[in-house]
Amino acid sequence: MKHHNHQNPNSQQPKARLVLIAAAMTVLLAACSEKPQTAGTTHSAADQKPWNGGQKAFDAPGWTPGDKASWDAQIKQRNRGQNEYVRMAP
């Protein structure tokens, strides 16, 4: 008597289908649990002028809140520090 030890190729199909359905449900349910991304009360009002100031912890040294000229000078200094052509010596 001969015994065949190979599996039926159709027996793997229900398992693969179950895994695929479980993965699809996981993705769909993960999208439902996303929290809304809204600005909180820590952000300043859009109608404020930037040189009027924000939180004291973020004030740059040498800048006077409410002084547009000192704010402009601080912005120019910051931009110079971020310019790779200025930062790198030839």
PDB file of N, CA and C in Angstrom:
ATOM      1  N   MET A   1       0.826  -1.172   0.000  1.00  0.00           N
ATOM      2  CA  MET A   1       0.000   0.000   0.000  1.00  0.00           C
ATOM      3  C   MET A   1       0.879   1.246   0.000  1.00  0.00           C
ATOM      4  N   LYS A   2       0.547   2.188  -0.838  1.00  0.00           N
ATOM      5  CA  LYS A   2       1.308   3.432  -0.933  1.00  0.00           C
ATOM      6  C   LYS A   2       0.588   4.528  -0.165  1.00  0.00           C
ATOM      7  N   HIS A   3       1.391   5.305   0.588  1.00  0.00           N
ATOM      8  CA  HIS A   3       0.829   6.453   1.297  1.00  0.00           C
ATOM      9  C   HIS A   3       1.373   7.716   0.659  1.00  0.00           C
ATOM     10  N   HIS A   4       0.499   8.616   0.340  1.00  0.00           N
ATOM     11  CA  HIS A   4       0.907   9.911  -0.216  1.00  0.00           C
ATOM     12  C   HIS A   4       0.979  10.915   0.930  1.00  0.00           C
ATOM     13  N   ASN A   5       2.132  11.568   1.063  1.00  0.00           N
ATOM     14  CA  ASN A   5       2.345  12.499   2.162  1.00  0.00           C
ATOM     15  C   ASN A   5       2.325  13.952   1.725  1.00  0.00           C
ATOM     16  N   HIS A   6       1.782  14.270   0.630  1.00  0.00           N
ATOM     17  CA  HIS A   6       1.720  15.683   0.229  1.00  0.00           C
ATOM     18  C   HIS A   6       0.359  16.252   0.602  1.00  0.00           C
ATOM     19  N   GLN A   7       0.395  17.559   0.891  1.00  0.00           N
ATOM     20  CA  GLN A   7      -0.827  18.205   1.341  1.00  0.00           C
ATOM     21  C   GLN A   7      -1.647  18.674   0.153  1.00  0.00           C
ATOM     22  N   ASN A   8      -2.881  18.812   0.406  1.00  0.00           N
ATOM     23  CA  ASN A   8      -3.787  19.327  -0.605  1.00  0.00           C
ATOM     24  C   ASN A   8      -3.486  20.820  -0.790  1.00  0.00           C
ATOM     25  N   PRO A   9      -3.205  21.303  -2.009  1.00  0.00           N
ATOM     26  CA  PRO A   9      -2.880  22.717  -2.199  1.00  0.00           C
ATOM     27  C   PRO A   9      -4.024  23.649  -1.803  1.00  0.00           C
ATOM     28  N   ASN A  10      -5.232  23.158  -1.767  1.00  0.00           N
ATOM     29  CA  ASN A  10      -6.375  23.995  -1.390  1.00  0.00           C
ATOM     30  C   ASN A  10      -6.476  24.191   0.123  1.00  0.00           C
ATOM     31  N   SER A  11      -5.749  23.396   0.920  1.00  0.00           N
ATOM     32  CA  SER A  11      -5.840  23.536   2.368  1.00  0.00           C
ATOM     33  C   SER A  11      -5.128  24.792   2.859  1.00  0.00           C
ATOM     34  N   GLN A  12      -4.209  25.334   2.099  1.00  0.00           N
ATOM     35  CA  GLN A  12      -3.505  26.560   2.472  1.00  0.00           C
ATOM     36  C   GLN A  12      -4.313  27.806   2.134  1.00  0.00           C
ATOM     37  N   GLN A  13      -5.235  27.691   1.217  1.00  0.00           N
ATOM     38  CA  GLN A  13      -5.996  28.850   0.759  1.00  0.00           C
ATOM     39  C   GLN A  13      -6.867  29.467   1.855  1.00  0.00           C
ATOM     40  N   PRO A  14      -7.584  28.723   2.656  1.00  0.00           N
ATOM     41  CA  PRO A  14      -8.385  29.357   3.718  1.00  0.00           C
ATOM     42  C   PRO A  14      -7.510  30.072   4.755  1.00  0.00           C
ATOM     43  N   LYS A  15      -6.332  29.539   5.074  1.00  0.00           N
ATOM     44  CA  LYS A  15      -5.441  30.180   6.026  1.00  0.00           C
ATOM     45  C   LYS A  15      -4.931  31.509   5.469  1.00  0.00           C
ATOM     46  N   ALA A  16      -4.548  31.515   4.212  1.00  0.00           N
ATOM     47  CA  ALA A  16      -4.053  32.744   3.591  1.00  0.00           C
ATOM     48  C   ALA A  16      -5.164  33.786   3.524  1.00  0.00           C
ATOM     49  N   ARG A  17      -6.363  33.353   3.220  1.00  0.00           N
ATOM     50  CA  ARG A  17      -7.495  34.271   3.155  1.00  0.00           C
ATOM     51  C   ARG A  17      -7.784  34.860   4.536  1.00  0.00           C
ATOM     52  N   LEU A  18      -7.696  34.040   5.574  1.00  0.00           N
ATOM     53  CA  LEU A  18      -7.927  34.509   6.932  1.00  0.00           C
ATOM     54  C   LEU A  18      -6.865  35.538   7.344  1.00  0.00           C
ATOM     55  N   VAL A  19      -5.621  35.283   6.996  1.00  0.00           N
ATOM     56  CA  VAL A  19      -4.540  36.230   7.311  1.00  0.00           C
ATOM     57  C   VAL A  19      -4.760  37.540   6.565  1.00  0.00           C
ATOM     58  N   LEU A  20      -5.157  37.480   5.326  1.00  0.00           N
ATOM     59  CA  LEU A  20      -5.404  38.675   4.531  1.00  0.00           C
ATOM     60  C   LEU A  20      -6.571  39.485   5.100  1.00  0.00           C
ATOM     61  N   ILE A  21      -7.624  38.832   5.505  1.00  0.00           N
ATOM     62  CA  ILE A  21      -8.771  39.530   6.090  1.00  0.00           C
ATOM     63  C   ILE A  21      -8.378  40.169   7.419  1.00  0.00           C
ATOM     64  N   ALA A  22      -7.607  39.455   8.234  1.00  0.00           N
ATOM     65  CA  ALA A  22      -7.171  40.007   9.522  1.00  0.00           C
ATOM     66  C   ALA A  22      -6.286  41.238   9.320  1.00  0.00           C
ATOM     67  N   ALA A  23      -5.391  41.197   8.331  1.00  0.00           N
ATOM     68  CA  ALA A  23      -4.526  42.349   8.052  1.00  0.00           C
ATOM     69  C   ALA A  23      -5.344  43.541   7.562  1.00  0.00           C
ATOM     70  N   ALA A  24      -6.318  43.292   6.703  1.00  0.00           N
ATOM     71  CA  ALA A  24      -7.166  44.377   6.195  1.00  0.00           C
ATOM     72  C   ALA A  24      -7.987  44.995   7.320  1.00  0.00           C
ATOM     73  N   MET A  25      -8.509  44.190   8.219  1.00  0.00           N
ATOM     74  CA  MET A  25      -9.289  44.713   9.335  1.00  0.00           C
ATOM     75  C   MET A  25      -8.406  45.544  10.275  1.00  0.00           C
ATOM     76  N   THR A  26      -7.172  45.097  10.481  1.00  0.00           N
ATOM     77  CA  THR A  26      -6.244  45.843  11.334  1.00  0.00           C
ATOM     78  C   THR A  26      -5.973  47.220  10.756  1.00  0.00           C
ATOM     79  N   VAL A  27      -5.738  47.293   9.463  1.00  0.00           N
ATOM     80  CA  VAL A  27      -5.475  48.579   8.811  1.00  0.00           C
ATOM     81  C   VAL A  27      -6.700  49.484   8.891  1.00  0.00           C
ATOM     82  N   LEU A  28      -7.867  48.934   8.625  1.00  0.00           N
ATOM     83  CA  LEU A  28      -9.088  49.739   8.666  1.00  0.00           C
ATOM     84  C   LEU A  28      -9.394  50.246  10.073  1.00  0.00           C
ATOM     85  N   LEU A  29      -9.207  49.403  11.062  1.00  0.00           N
ATOM     86  CA  LEU A  29      -9.501  49.815  12.433  1.00  0.00           C
ATOM     87  C   LEU A  29      -8.463  50.802  12.953  1.00  0.00           C
ATOM     88  N   ALA A  30      -7.224  50.706  12.504  1.00  0.00           N
ATOM     89  CA  ALA A  30      -6.192  51.649  12.928  1.00  0.00           C
ATOM     90  C   ALA A  30      -6.508  53.053  12.419  1.00  0.00           C
ATOM     91  N   ALA A  31      -7.075  53.151  11.243  1.00  0.00           N
ATOM     92  CA  ALA A  31      -7.435  54.465  10.694  1.00  0.00           C
ATOM     93  C   ALA A  31      -8.556  55.107  11.494  1.00  0.00           C
ATOM     94  N   CYS A  32      -9.419  54.327  12.089  1.00  0.00           N
ATOM     95  CA  CYS A  32     -10.533  54.865  12.871  1.00  0.00           C
ATOM     96  C   CYS A  32     -10.086  55.442  14.207  1.00  0.00           C
ATOM     97  N   SER A  33      -8.951  55.002  14.710  1.00  0.00           N
ATOM     98  CA  SER A  33      -8.523  55.443  16.032  1.00  0.00           C
ATOM     99  C   SER A  33      -7.595  56.649  15.984  1.00  0.00           C
ATOM    100  N   GLU A  34      -7.385  57.234  14.821  1.00  0.00           N
ATOM    101  CA  GLU A  34      -6.491  58.389  14.718  1.00  0.00           C
ATOM    102  C   GLU A  34      -7.115  59.599  15.406  1.00  0.00           C
ATOM    103  N   LYS A  35      -6.292  60.277  16.198  1.00  0.00           N
ATOM    104  CA  LYS A  35      -6.774  61.445  16.923  1.00  0.00           C
ATOM    105  C   LYS A  35      -6.745  62.667  16.009  1.00  0.00           C
ATOM    106  N   PRO A  36      -7.680  63.591  16.167  1.00  0.00           N
ATOM    107  CA  PRO A  36      -7.667  64.805  15.346  1.00  0.00           C
ATOM    108  C   PRO A  36      -6.428  65.651  15.667  1.00  0.00           C
ATOM    109  N   GLN A  37      -5.870  66.259  14.644  1.00  0.00           N
ATOM    110  CA  GLN A  37      -4.668  67.069  14.796  1.00  0.00           C
ATOM    111  C   GLN A  37      -5.042  68.541  14.642  1.00  0.00           C
ATOM    112  N   THR A  38      -5.375  69.161  15.750  1.00  0.00           N
ATOM    113  CA  THR A  38      -5.782  70.555  15.725  1.00  0.00           C
ATOM    114  C   THR A  38      -4.825  71.374  16.576  1.00  0.00           C
ATOM    115  N   ALA A  39      -4.718  72.646  16.245  1.00  0.00           N
ATOM    116  CA  ALA A  39      -3.855  73.536  17.002  1.00  0.00           C
ATOM    117  C   ALA A  39      -4.478  73.785  18.372  1.00  0.00           C
ATOM    118  N   GLY A  40      -3.641  73.739  19.388  1.00  0.00           N
ATOM    119  CA  GLY A  40      -4.122  73.964  20.745  1.00  0.00           C
ATOM    120  C   GLY A  40      -4.027  75.430  21.125  1.00  0.00           C
ATOM    121  N   THR A  41      -4.159  75.691  22.388  1.00  0.00           N
ATOM    122  CA  THR A  41      -4.126  77.064  22.884  1.00  0.00           C
ATOM    123  C   THR A  41      -2.705  77.586  23.033  1.00  0.00           C
ATOM    124  N   THR A  42      -1.694  76.748  22.795  1.00  0.00           N
ATOM    125  CA  THR A  42      -0.308  77.193  22.944  1.00  0.00           C
ATOM    126  C   THR A  42       0.151  78.020  21.747  1.00  0.00           C
ATOM    127  N   HIS A  43      -0.575  77.973  20.674  1.00  0.00           N
ATOM    128  CA  HIS A  43      -0.196  78.731  19.489  1.00  0.00           C
ATOM    129  C   HIS A  43      -0.699  80.168  19.612  1.00  0.00           C
ATOM    130  N   SER A  44       0.091  81.102  19.083  1.00  0.00           N
ATOM    131  CA  SER A  44      -0.315  82.507  19.165  1.00  0.00           C
ATOM    132  C   SER A  44      -1.373  82.808  18.112  1.00  0.00           C
ATOM    133  N   ALA A  45      -2.066  83.879  18.308  1.00  0.00           N
ATOM    134  CA  ALA A  45      -3.111  84.280  17.369  1.00  0.00           C
ATOM    135  C   ALA A  45      -2.482  84.704  16.041  1.00  0.00           C
ATOM    136  N   ALA A  46      -3.164  84.450  14.949  1.00  0.00           N
ATOM    137  CA  ALA A  46      -2.633  84.750  13.629  1.00  0.00           C
ATOM    138  C   ALA A  46      -2.587  86.254  13.364  1.00  0.00           C
ATOM    139  N   ASP A  47      -3.365  87.034  14.090  1.00  0.00           N
ATOM    140  CA  ASP A  47      -3.386  88.469  13.818  1.00  0.00           C
ATOM    141  C   ASP A  47      -2.309  89.241  14.586  1.00  0.00           C
ATOM    142  N   GLN A  48      -1.504  88.570  15.389  1.00  0.00           N
ATOM    143  CA  GLN A  48      -0.419  89.237  16.106  1.00  0.00           C
ATOM    144  C   GLN A  48       0.767  89.460  15.170  1.00  0.00           C
ATOM    145  N   LYS A  49       1.427  90.557  15.335  1.00  0.00           N
ATOM    146  CA  LYS A  49       2.651  90.829  14.580  1.00  0.00           C
ATOM    147  C   LYS A  49       3.774  90.000  15.198  1.00  0.00           C
ATOM    148  N   PRO A  50       4.635  89.408  14.399  1.00  0.00           N
ATOM    149  CA  PRO A  50       5.664  88.529  14.946  1.00  0.00           C
ATOM    150  C   PRO A  50       6.647  89.247  15.876  1.00  0.00           C
ATOM    151  N   TRP A  51       6.887  90.525  15.674  1.00  0.00           N
ATOM    152  CA  TRP A  51       7.858  91.243  16.513  1.00  0.00           C
ATOM    153  C   TRP A  51       7.279  91.651  17.854  1.00  0.00           C
ATOM    154  N   ASN A  52       5.959  91.443  18.062  1.00  0.00           N
ATOM    155  CA  ASN A  52       5.360  91.757  19.357  1.00  0.00           C
ATOM    156  C   ASN A  52       5.700  90.720  20.419  1.00  0.00           C
ATOM    157  N   GLY A  53       6.145  89.557  19.988  1.00  0.00           N
ATOM    158  CA  GLY A  53       6.620  88.567  20.947  1.00  0.00           C
ATOM    159  C   GLY A  53       5.695  87.401  21.151  1.00  0.00           C
ATOM    160  N   GLY A  54       6.276  86.400  21.741  1.00  0.00           N
ATOM    161  CA  GLY A  54       5.526  85.194  22.046  1.00  0.00           C
ATOM    162  C   GLY A  54       5.796  84.812  23.475  1.00  0.00           C
ATOM    163  N   GLN A  55       6.249  83.619  23.677  1.00  0.00           N
ATOM    164  CA  GLN A  55       6.561  83.145  25.017  1.00  0.00           C
ATOM    165  C   GLN A  55       7.979  83.568  25.378  1.00  0.00           C
ATOM    166  N   LYS A  56       8.180  83.987  26.619  1.00  0.00           N
ATOM    167  CA  LYS A  56       9.485  84.485  27.072  1.00  0.00           C
ATOM    168  C   LYS A  56      10.585  83.439  26.907  1.00  0.00           C
ATOM    169  N   ALA A  57      10.267  82.184  27.040  1.00  0.00           N
ATOM    170  CA  ALA A  57      11.274  81.124  26.957  1.00  0.00           C
ATOM    171  C   ALA A  57      11.927  81.067  25.579  1.00  0.00           C
ATOM    172  N   PHE A  58      11.277  81.611  24.557  1.00  0.00           N
ATOM    173  CA  PHE A  58      11.793  81.520  23.194  1.00  0.00           C
ATOM    174  C   PHE A  58      12.380  82.831  22.694  1.00  0.00           C
ATOM    175  N   ASP A  59      12.461  83.832  23.550  1.00  0.00           N
ATOM    176  CA  ASP A  59      13.029  85.122  23.140  1.00  0.00           C
ATOM    177  C   ASP A  59      14.539  84.990  22.945  1.00  0.00           C
ATOM    178  N   ALA A  60      15.032  85.530  21.824  1.00  0.00           N
ATOM    179  CA  ALA A  60      16.460  85.504  21.546  1.00  0.00           C
ATOM    180  C   ALA A  60      17.144  86.654  22.284  1.00  0.00           C
ATOM    181  N   PRO A  61      18.378  86.445  22.751  1.00  0.00           N
ATOM    182  CA  PRO A  61      19.089  87.535  23.409  1.00  0.00           C
ATOM    183  C   PRO A  61      19.314  88.693  22.429  1.00  0.00           C
ATOM    184  N   GLY A  62      19.140  89.904  22.891  1.00  0.00           N
ATOM    185  CA  GLY A  62      19.328  91.072  22.040  1.00  0.00           C
ATOM    186  C   GLY A  62      18.063  91.527  21.339  1.00  0.00           C
ATOM    187  N   TRP A  63      16.997  90.799  21.522  1.00  0.00           N
ATOM    188  CA  TRP A  63      15.730  91.155  20.882  1.00  0.00           C
ATOM    189  C   TRP A  63      14.813  91.777  21.910  1.00  0.00           C
ATOM    190  N   THR A  64      14.219  92.888  21.545  1.00  0.00           N
ATOM    191  CA  THR A  64      13.287  93.585  22.417  1.00  0.00           C
ATOM    192  C   THR A  64      11.874  93.360  21.897  1.00  0.00           C
ATOM    193  N   PRO A  65      11.005  92.695  22.668  1.00  0.00           N
ATOM    194  CA  PRO A  65       9.629  92.472  22.203  1.00  0.00           C
ATOM    195  C   PRO A  65       8.945  93.792  21.865  1.00  0.00           C
ATOM    196  N   GLY A  66       8.291  93.830  20.715  1.00  0.00           N
ATOM    197  CA  GLY A  66       7.584  95.021  20.261  1.00  0.00           C
ATOM    198  C   GLY A  66       8.424  95.913  19.353  1.00  0.00           C
ATOM    199  N   ASP A  67       9.744  95.637  19.253  1.00  0.00           N
ATOM    200  CA  ASP A  67      10.641  96.447  18.429  1.00  0.00           C
ATOM    201  C   ASP A  67      10.876  95.733  17.102  1.00  0.00           C
ATOM    202  N   LYS A  68      10.270  96.243  16.029  1.00  0.00           N
ATOM    203  CA  LYS A  68      10.370  95.609  14.713  1.00  0.00           C
ATOM    204  C   LYS A  68      11.798  95.592  14.196  1.00  0.00           C
ATOM    205  N   ALA A  69      12.570  96.657  14.444  1.00  0.00           N
ATOM    206  CA  ALA A  69      13.951  96.720  13.956  1.00  0.00           C
ATOM    207  C   ALA A  69      14.823  95.638  14.608  1.00  0.00           C
ATOM    208  N   SER A  70      14.676  95.431  15.915  1.00  0.00           N
ATOM    209  CA  SER A  70      15.480  94.388  16.570  1.00  0.00           C
ATOM    210  C   SER A  70      15.019  92.999  16.133  1.00  0.00           C
ATOM    211  N   TRP A  71      13.734  92.851  15.847  1.00  0.00           N
ATOM    212  CA  TRP A  71      13.238  91.579  15.343  1.00  0.00           C
ATOM    213  C   TRP A  71      13.825  91.287  13.960  1.00  0.00           C
ATOM    214  N   ASP A  72      13.838  92.314  13.088  1.00  0.00           N
ATOM    215  CA  ASP A  72      14.439  92.151  11.757  1.00  0.00           C
ATOM    216  C   ASP A  72      15.910  91.766  11.869  1.00  0.00           C
ATOM    217  N   ALA A  73      16.639  92.412  12.777  1.00  0.00           N
ATOM    218  CA  ALA A  73      18.062  92.102  12.956  1.00  0.00           C
ATOM    219  C   ALA A  73      18.256  90.659  13.425  1.00  0.00           C
ATOM    220  N   GLN A  74      17.409  90.183  14.327  1.00  0.00           N
ATOM    221  CA  GLN A  74      17.503  88.806  14.813  1.00  0.00           C
ATOM    222  C   GLN A  74      17.187  87.802  13.706  1.00  0.00           C
ATOM    223  N   ILE A  75      16.208  88.102  12.884  1.00  0.00           N
ATOM    224  CA  ILE A  75      15.868  87.209  11.768  1.00  0.00           C
ATOM    225  C   ILE A  75      17.021  87.142  10.773  1.00  0.00           C
ATOM    226  N   LYS A  76      17.623  88.273  10.457  1.00  0.00           N
ATOM    227  CA  LYS A  76      18.773  88.278   9.535  1.00  0.00           C
ATOM    228  C   LYS A  76      19.930  87.484  10.111  1.00  0.00           C
ATOM    229  N   GLN A  77      20.190  87.643  11.408  1.00  0.00           N
ATOM    230  CA  GLN A  77      21.269  86.889  12.058  1.00  0.00           C
ATOM    231  C   GLN A  77      20.986  85.390  12.018  1.00  0.00           C
ATOM    232  N   ARG A  78      19.753  85.028  12.273  1.00  0.00           N
ATOM    233  CA  ARG A  78      19.378  83.609  12.233  1.00  0.00           C
ATOM    234  C   ARG A  78      19.550  83.040  10.822  1.00  0.00           C
ATOM    235  N   ASN A  79      19.135  83.799   9.822  1.00  0.00           N
ATOM    236  CA  ASN A  79      19.273  83.340   8.439  1.00  0.00           C
ATOM    237  C   ASN A  79      20.736  83.194   8.042  1.00  0.00           C
ATOM    238  N   ARG A  80      21.583  84.102   8.515  1.00  0.00           N
ATOM    239  CA  ARG A  80      23.020  83.982   8.216  1.00  0.00           C
ATOM    240  C   ARG A  80      23.575  82.700   8.834  1.00  0.00           C
ATOM    241  N   GLY A  81      23.112  82.356  10.018  1.00  0.00           N
ATOM    242  CA  GLY A  81      23.574  81.136  10.677  1.00  0.00           C
ATOM    243  C   GLY A  81      23.105  79.870   9.993  1.00  0.00           C
ATOM    244  N   GLN A  82      22.060  79.954   9.192  1.00  0.00           N
ATOM    245  CA  GLN A  82      21.536  78.780   8.498  1.00  0.00           C
ATOM    246  C   GLN A  82      21.994  78.713   7.045  1.00  0.00           C
ATOM    247  N   ASN A  83      22.703  79.716   6.572  1.00  0.00           N
ATOM    248  CA  ASN A  83      23.171  79.753   5.192  1.00  0.00           C
ATOM    249  C   ASN A  83      24.495  78.996   5.106  1.00  0.00           C
ATOM    250  N   GLU A  84      24.515  77.890   4.405  1.00  0.00           N
ATOM    251  CA  GLU A  84      25.714  77.053   4.310  1.00  0.00           C
ATOM    252  C   GLU A  84      26.861  77.776   3.604  1.00  0.00           C
ATOM    253  N   TYR A  85      26.561  78.646   2.661  1.00  0.00           N
ATOM    254  CA  TYR A  85      27.621  79.356   1.954  1.00  0.00           C
ATOM    255  C   TYR A  85      28.335  80.344   2.874  1.00  0.00           C
ATOM    256  N   VAL A  86      27.621  80.930   3.816  1.00  0.00           N
ATOM    257  CA  VAL A  86      28.217  81.871   4.754  1.00  0.00           C
ATOM    258  C   VAL A  86      28.957  81.117   5.859  1.00  0.00           C
ATOM    259  N   ARG A  87      28.384  79.999   6.308  1.00  0.00           N
ATOM    260  CA  ARG A  87      28.971  79.244   7.413  1.00  0.00           C
ATOM    261  C   ARG A  87      30.269  78.545   7.033  1.00  0.00           C
ATOM    262  N   MET A  88      30.378  78.090   5.820  1.00  0.00           N
ATOM    263  CA  MET A  88      31.557  77.328   5.377  1.00  0.00           C
ATOM    264  C   MET A  88      32.630  78.287   4.891  1.00  0.00           C
ATOM    265  N   ALA A  89      33.833  78.098   5.395  1.00  0.00           N
ATOM    266  CA  ALA A  89      34.958  78.915   4.921  1.00  0.00           C
ATOM    267  C   ALA A  89      35.457  78.338   3.593  1.00  0.00           C
ATOM    268  N   PRO A  90      35.834  79.204   2.657  1.00  0.00           N
ATOM    269  CA  PRO A  90      36.293  78.697   1.333  1.00  0.00           C
ATOM    270  C   PRO A  90      37.603  77.953   1.413  1.00  0.00           C
TER     271      PRO A  90
END
